[in-house]
């Protein structure tokens, strides 16, 4: 998928805010309006921040589903399904900022070709899978090896599992934007 226009980013953020608010208020989200239906399929992660701190992140790799559906589903889920955090309360709504990461298709990559800040990682071995977004490595000032180790750990694997022939290492890129970037809410 090519770069999204600002109007498309704004539309995706509005869909995310609508679904997220419905979840926080314990309402069933309405159908996405047809005018919001972008013609793309893809994967996305919805990250919520509160006062500059991570409050939750839920996502889905590209699977053929419409991007609008993926964003709505993940935004609804992030309100209560991130196991690292408690359910978002209605009182928190005004202080939550939504960030979206729209993902490219994953592709196989050699460890030496990983570019920190450009690539996100998807590591899998059997039923164990771990995903970290490109901005995570930047936020923590990781090099490529540390990024691989952390992604393996997220998958529940040994930190050096990326060295095993049975472990698949894939990368993806992400177009990352937030409500603050486009001044929506």
Foldseek 3Di string as FASTA:
>chain_A
DDDDDLVLVQLLQVLLLQLLLCLQVVHDGDPRPPVSQDPDFFKKKKWKDFPNHTAFIDIDGGDPHGPSVRSSVNSNCRQDPRVVHHHHHPVRSVRIKIKMWTKDHKDFDDLVPDDQLFKWKWKDAVPFIFTDASVVCVVVVHDSLQNQLVRCVRSVHHSPCVVDPRMTMIIIGIDMDICVRSVDD
